[in-house]
């Protein structure tokens, strides 16, 4: 039985990327909570996936309503930056991992 060792740098890149993406999703739930506090109960956005509320429309609605209720809010920009950084780190980790296994 052989043991495959992965460089620590690759693990760190993948872990940091995953952390940024998970944090971005937590910020999304914060945005939904803030928007739902301002909306009437029958118009509130569900926290989890629902077939009656398509995902693409849901994201557009969350962004639009957050911007309407919190014009100076920075959560959307923070979420976007965390997503971009997370995907860049994950891609860098995958790239290093692909070169490691050659």
N, C-alpha and C. Protein backbone atom coordinates (compact mmCIF):
# COMPACT_ATOMS: atom_id res chain seq x y z
N UNK A 1 0.85 -1.17 0.00
CA UNK A 1 0.00 0.00 0.00
C UNK A 1 0.90 1.23 0.00
N UNK A 2 0.66 2.11 -0.94
CA UNK A 2 1.47 3.33 -1.01
C UNK A 2 0.69 4.51 -0.46
N UNK A 3 1.41 5.40 0.12
CA UNK A 3 0.81 6.60 0.70
C UNK A 3 1.11 7.78 -0.22
N UNK A 4 0.08 8.52 -0.57
CA UNK A 4 0.25 9.70 -1.41
C UNK A 4 0.38 10.90 -0.50
N UNK A 5 1.46 11.62 -0.66
CA UNK A 5 1.64 12.84 0.14
C UNK A 5 1.40 14.04 -0.76
N UNK A 6 0.70 14.99 -0.24
CA UNK A 6 0.38 16.21 -0.96
C UNK A 6 1.13 17.35 -0.28
N UNK A 7 1.76 18.22 -1.08
CA UNK A 7 2.49 19.35 -0.47
C UNK A 7 1.58 20.20 0.41
N UNK A 8 2.13 20.70 1.48
CA UNK A 8 1.39 21.51 2.43
C UNK A 8 0.82 22.77 1.76
N UNK A 9 1.55 23.33 0.82
CA UNK A 9 1.08 24.53 0.13
C UNK A 9 -0.21 24.30 -0.62
N UNK A 10 -0.34 23.12 -1.24
CA UNK A 10 -1.57 22.80 -1.97
C UNK A 10 -2.73 22.66 -1.00
N UNK A 11 -2.50 22.00 0.10
CA UNK A 11 -3.55 21.84 1.11
C UNK A 11 -3.95 23.21 1.66
N UNK A 12 -2.98 24.09 1.88
CA UNK A 12 -3.28 25.42 2.40
C UNK A 12 -4.10 26.22 1.39
N UNK A 13 -3.76 26.14 0.10
CA UNK A 13 -4.53 26.86 -0.92
C UNK A 13 -5.97 26.36 -0.98
N UNK A 14 -6.14 25.05 -0.98
CA UNK A 14 -7.50 24.49 -1.05
C UNK A 14 -8.30 24.81 0.21
N UNK A 15 -7.66 24.75 1.37
CA UNK A 15 -8.35 25.06 2.62
C UNK A 15 -8.75 26.53 2.68
N UNK A 16 -7.85 27.42 2.26
CA UNK A 16 -8.17 28.85 2.27
C UNK A 16 -9.29 29.16 1.28
N UNK A 17 -9.23 28.56 0.11
CA UNK A 17 -10.30 28.77 -0.88
C UNK A 17 -11.64 28.30 -0.37
N UNK A 18 -11.66 27.13 0.24
CA UNK A 18 -12.90 26.60 0.81
C UNK A 18 -13.42 27.50 1.93
N UNK A 19 -12.52 28.00 2.76
CA UNK A 19 -12.92 28.90 3.85
C UNK A 19 -13.55 30.17 3.31
N UNK A 20 -12.96 30.75 2.27
CA UNK A 20 -13.52 31.98 1.69
C UNK A 20 -14.90 31.74 1.09
N UNK A 21 -15.08 30.62 0.42
CA UNK A 21 -16.37 30.34 -0.22
C UNK A 21 -17.44 30.06 0.84
N UNK A 22 -17.10 29.32 1.89
CA UNK A 22 -18.07 29.07 2.96
C UNK A 22 -18.43 30.37 3.67
N UNK A 23 -17.45 31.22 3.92
CA UNK A 23 -17.72 32.52 4.54
C UNK A 23 -18.62 33.37 3.66
N UNK A 24 -18.40 33.31 2.35
CA UNK A 24 -19.25 34.04 1.41
C UNK A 24 -20.71 33.57 1.51
N UNK A 25 -20.90 32.26 1.66
CA UNK A 25 -22.26 31.75 1.80
C UNK A 25 -22.89 32.17 3.12
N UNK A 26 -22.10 32.24 4.18
CA UNK A 26 -22.64 32.72 5.45
C UNK A 26 -23.07 34.19 5.33
N UNK A 27 -22.31 34.97 4.60
CA UNK A 27 -22.68 36.37 4.37
C UNK A 27 -23.97 36.45 3.56
N UNK A 28 -24.15 35.53 2.62
CA UNK A 28 -25.40 35.49 1.85
C UNK A 28 -26.59 35.27 2.78
N UNK A 29 -26.44 34.36 3.75
CA UNK A 29 -27.53 34.14 4.71
C UNK A 29 -27.76 35.36 5.58
N UNK A 30 -26.71 36.10 5.90
CA UNK A 30 -26.88 37.35 6.64
C UNK A 30 -27.68 38.35 5.80
N UNK A 31 -27.36 38.44 4.52
CA UNK A 31 -28.08 39.36 3.63
C UNK A 31 -29.55 38.98 3.54
N UNK A 32 -29.85 37.69 3.42
CA UNK A 32 -31.24 37.25 3.35
C UNK A 32 -31.97 37.62 4.64
N UNK A 33 -31.33 37.42 5.78
CA UNK A 33 -31.95 37.78 7.06
C UNK A 33 -32.23 39.26 7.17
N UNK A 34 -31.29 40.10 6.73
CA UNK A 34 -31.50 41.54 6.80
C UNK A 34 -32.61 41.98 5.85
N UNK A 35 -32.65 41.40 4.67
CA UNK A 35 -33.70 41.76 3.70
C UNK A 35 -35.05 41.28 4.21
N UNK A 36 -35.11 40.07 4.75
CA UNK A 36 -36.38 39.53 5.24
C UNK A 36 -36.95 40.34 6.40
N UNK A 37 -36.10 40.97 7.18
CA UNK A 37 -36.59 41.82 8.27
C UNK A 37 -37.36 43.01 7.75
N UNK A 38 -37.04 43.46 6.54
CA UNK A 38 -37.69 44.63 5.96
C UNK A 38 -38.89 44.27 5.08
N UNK A 39 -39.00 43.02 4.67
CA UNK A 39 -40.08 42.60 3.78
C UNK A 39 -41.28 42.09 4.58
N UNK A 40 -42.48 42.23 4.01
CA UNK A 40 -43.65 41.60 4.65
C UNK A 40 -43.49 40.07 4.65
N UNK A 41 -44.18 39.42 5.55
CA UNK A 41 -44.00 37.98 5.73
C UNK A 41 -44.31 37.18 4.47
N UNK A 42 -45.28 37.61 3.68
CA UNK A 42 -45.65 36.85 2.48
C UNK A 42 -44.68 37.07 1.30
N UNK A 43 -43.75 38.00 1.42
CA UNK A 43 -42.79 38.27 0.35
C UNK A 43 -41.35 37.90 0.72
N UNK A 44 -41.18 37.28 1.86
CA UNK A 44 -39.83 36.97 2.32
C UNK A 44 -39.15 35.90 1.47
N UNK A 45 -37.85 35.99 1.38
CA UNK A 45 -37.03 35.10 0.58
C UNK A 45 -36.68 33.88 1.42
N UNK A 46 -36.90 32.67 0.88
CA UNK A 46 -36.55 31.47 1.67
C UNK A 46 -35.03 31.32 1.80
N UNK A 47 -34.59 30.78 2.92
CA UNK A 47 -33.16 30.59 3.15
C UNK A 47 -32.60 29.45 2.31
N UNK A 48 -33.37 28.41 2.10
CA UNK A 48 -32.88 27.23 1.41
C UNK A 48 -33.54 27.11 0.05
N UNK A 49 -32.97 26.25 -0.78
CA UNK A 49 -33.45 26.04 -2.14
C UNK A 49 -34.91 25.62 -2.13
N UNK A 50 -35.67 26.22 -3.03
CA UNK A 50 -37.08 25.90 -3.16
C UNK A 50 -37.41 25.86 -4.64
N UNK A 51 -38.18 24.86 -5.06
CA UNK A 51 -38.54 24.76 -6.48
C UNK A 51 -39.48 25.88 -6.89
N UNK A 52 -40.16 26.49 -5.95
CA UNK A 52 -41.05 27.59 -6.27
C UNK A 52 -40.30 28.91 -6.39
N UNK A 53 -39.02 28.91 -6.05
CA UNK A 53 -38.21 30.13 -6.07
C UNK A 53 -36.89 29.80 -6.76
N UNK A 54 -36.82 29.97 -8.10
CA UNK A 54 -35.61 29.57 -8.84
C UNK A 54 -34.35 30.25 -8.32
N UNK A 55 -33.22 29.54 -8.38
CA UNK A 55 -31.97 30.03 -7.81
C UNK A 55 -31.50 31.31 -8.46
N UNK A 56 -31.50 31.39 -9.79
CA UNK A 56 -31.02 32.59 -10.48
C UNK A 56 -31.88 33.79 -10.10
N UNK A 57 -33.17 33.62 -10.12
CA UNK A 57 -34.08 34.70 -9.74
C UNK A 57 -33.88 35.07 -8.28
N UNK A 58 -33.60 34.08 -7.45
CA UNK A 58 -33.40 34.32 -6.02
C UNK A 58 -32.18 35.20 -5.80
N UNK A 59 -31.07 34.90 -6.47
CA UNK A 59 -29.85 35.70 -6.29
C UNK A 59 -30.07 37.14 -6.77
N UNK A 60 -30.74 37.30 -7.89
CA UNK A 60 -31.02 38.65 -8.40
C UNK A 60 -31.92 39.40 -7.43
N UNK A 61 -32.89 38.71 -6.87
CA UNK A 61 -33.81 39.34 -5.91
C UNK A 61 -33.06 39.75 -4.64
N UNK A 62 -32.21 38.88 -4.14
CA UNK A 62 -31.46 39.20 -2.91
C UNK A 62 -30.58 40.43 -3.15
N UNK A 63 -29.85 40.45 -4.26
CA UNK A 63 -28.97 41.59 -4.56
C UNK A 63 -29.77 42.87 -4.69
N UNK A 64 -30.86 42.81 -5.44
CA UNK A 64 -31.68 44.00 -5.68
C UNK A 64 -32.29 44.53 -4.38
N UNK A 65 -32.88 43.64 -3.60
CA UNK A 65 -33.53 44.07 -2.36
C UNK A 65 -32.51 44.54 -1.33
N UNK A 66 -31.35 43.91 -1.26
CA UNK A 66 -30.32 44.35 -0.31
C UNK A 66 -29.86 45.76 -0.68
N UNK A 67 -29.66 45.98 -1.97
CA UNK A 67 -29.22 47.32 -2.42
C UNK A 67 -30.31 48.36 -2.16
N UNK A 68 -31.57 47.96 -2.30
CA UNK A 68 -32.68 48.90 -2.07
C UNK A 68 -32.79 49.26 -0.59
N UNK A 69 -32.70 48.26 0.30
CA UNK A 69 -32.86 48.51 1.73
C UNK A 69 -31.60 49.04 2.40
N UNK A 70 -30.44 48.66 1.87
CA UNK A 70 -29.16 49.07 2.46
C UNK A 70 -28.25 49.63 1.37
N UNK A 71 -28.53 50.85 0.91
CA UNK A 71 -27.73 51.40 -0.20
C UNK A 71 -26.25 51.57 0.15
N UNK A 72 -25.91 51.77 1.40
CA UNK A 72 -24.51 51.92 1.79
C UNK A 72 -23.90 50.64 2.34
N UNK A 73 -24.65 49.53 2.25
CA UNK A 73 -24.18 48.27 2.82
C UNK A 73 -23.03 47.68 2.02
N UNK A 74 -22.13 47.02 2.73
CA UNK A 74 -20.93 46.47 2.08
C UNK A 74 -20.94 44.95 2.01
N UNK A 75 -22.02 44.31 2.43
CA UNK A 75 -22.03 42.86 2.43
C UNK A 75 -21.95 42.26 1.03
N UNK A 76 -22.62 42.86 0.06
CA UNK A 76 -22.59 42.32 -1.30
C UNK A 76 -21.18 42.40 -1.89
N UNK A 77 -20.50 43.50 -1.70
CA UNK A 77 -19.14 43.63 -2.22
C UNK A 77 -18.20 42.66 -1.49
N UNK A 78 -18.36 42.53 -0.19
CA UNK A 78 -17.54 41.59 0.57
C UNK A 78 -17.76 40.17 0.09
N UNK A 79 -19.01 39.82 -0.17
CA UNK A 79 -19.35 38.48 -0.65
C UNK A 79 -18.74 38.22 -2.02
N UNK A 80 -18.78 39.20 -2.89
CA UNK A 80 -18.21 39.04 -4.23
C UNK A 80 -16.69 38.86 -4.15
N UNK A 81 -16.03 39.67 -3.33
CA UNK A 81 -14.58 39.57 -3.19
C UNK A 81 -14.20 38.20 -2.62
N UNK A 82 -14.93 37.73 -1.61
CA UNK A 82 -14.63 36.42 -1.02
C UNK A 82 -14.83 35.30 -2.03
N UNK A 83 -15.88 35.40 -2.85
CA UNK A 83 -16.11 34.38 -3.88
C UNK A 83 -14.97 34.35 -4.88
N UNK A 84 -14.57 35.51 -5.36
CA UNK A 84 -13.50 35.58 -6.35
C UNK A 84 -12.20 35.03 -5.76
N UNK A 85 -11.85 35.49 -4.56
CA UNK A 85 -10.63 34.99 -3.92
C UNK A 85 -10.69 33.49 -3.68
N UNK A 86 -11.84 33.01 -3.25
CA UNK A 86 -11.99 31.57 -3.00
C UNK A 86 -11.79 30.76 -4.26
N UNK A 87 -12.41 31.18 -5.36
CA UNK A 87 -12.27 30.42 -6.60
C UNK A 87 -10.85 30.53 -7.16
N UNK A 88 -10.21 31.67 -7.02
CA UNK A 88 -8.83 31.81 -7.48
C UNK A 88 -7.90 30.89 -6.67
N UNK A 89 -8.08 30.86 -5.36
CA UNK A 89 -7.25 29.99 -4.52
C UNK A 89 -7.51 28.51 -4.82
N UNK A 90 -8.77 28.15 -5.03
CA UNK A 90 -9.08 26.77 -5.36
C UNK A 90 -8.48 26.39 -6.71
N UNK A 91 -8.56 27.29 -7.69
CA UNK A 91 -7.98 27.01 -9.00
C UNK A 91 -6.45 26.88 -8.90
N UNK A 92 -5.83 27.75 -8.10
CA UNK A 92 -4.38 27.67 -7.92
C UNK A 92 -4.00 26.35 -7.25
N UNK A 93 -4.76 25.95 -6.26
CA UNK A 93 -4.49 24.67 -5.60
C UNK A 93 -4.66 23.50 -6.55
N UNK A 94 -5.71 23.54 -7.36
CA UNK A 94 -5.92 22.47 -8.34
C UNK A 94 -4.81 22.45 -9.38
N UNK A 95 -4.36 23.61 -9.79
CA UNK A 95 -3.27 23.68 -10.77
C UNK A 95 -1.99 23.09 -10.20
N UNK A 96 -1.67 23.46 -8.97
CA UNK A 96 -0.47 22.91 -8.33
C UNK A 96 -0.60 21.40 -8.12
N UNK A 97 -1.80 20.97 -7.78
CA UNK A 97 -2.03 19.55 -7.56
C UNK A 97 -1.89 18.77 -8.87
N UNK A 98 -2.36 19.33 -9.97
CA UNK A 98 -2.25 18.65 -11.25
C UNK A 98 -0.78 18.52 -11.68
N UNK A 99 0.04 19.52 -11.37
CA UNK A 99 1.46 19.43 -11.70
C UNK A 99 2.21 18.50 -10.76
N UNK A 100 1.70 18.35 -9.54
CA UNK A 100 2.34 17.47 -8.57
C UNK A 100 2.20 16.01 -8.99
N UNK A 101 1.05 15.64 -9.58
CA UNK A 101 0.79 14.24 -9.93
C UNK A 101 1.37 13.83 -11.28
N UNK A 102 2.07 14.69 -11.97
CA UNK A 102 2.63 14.31 -13.28
C UNK A 102 3.85 13.48 -13.15
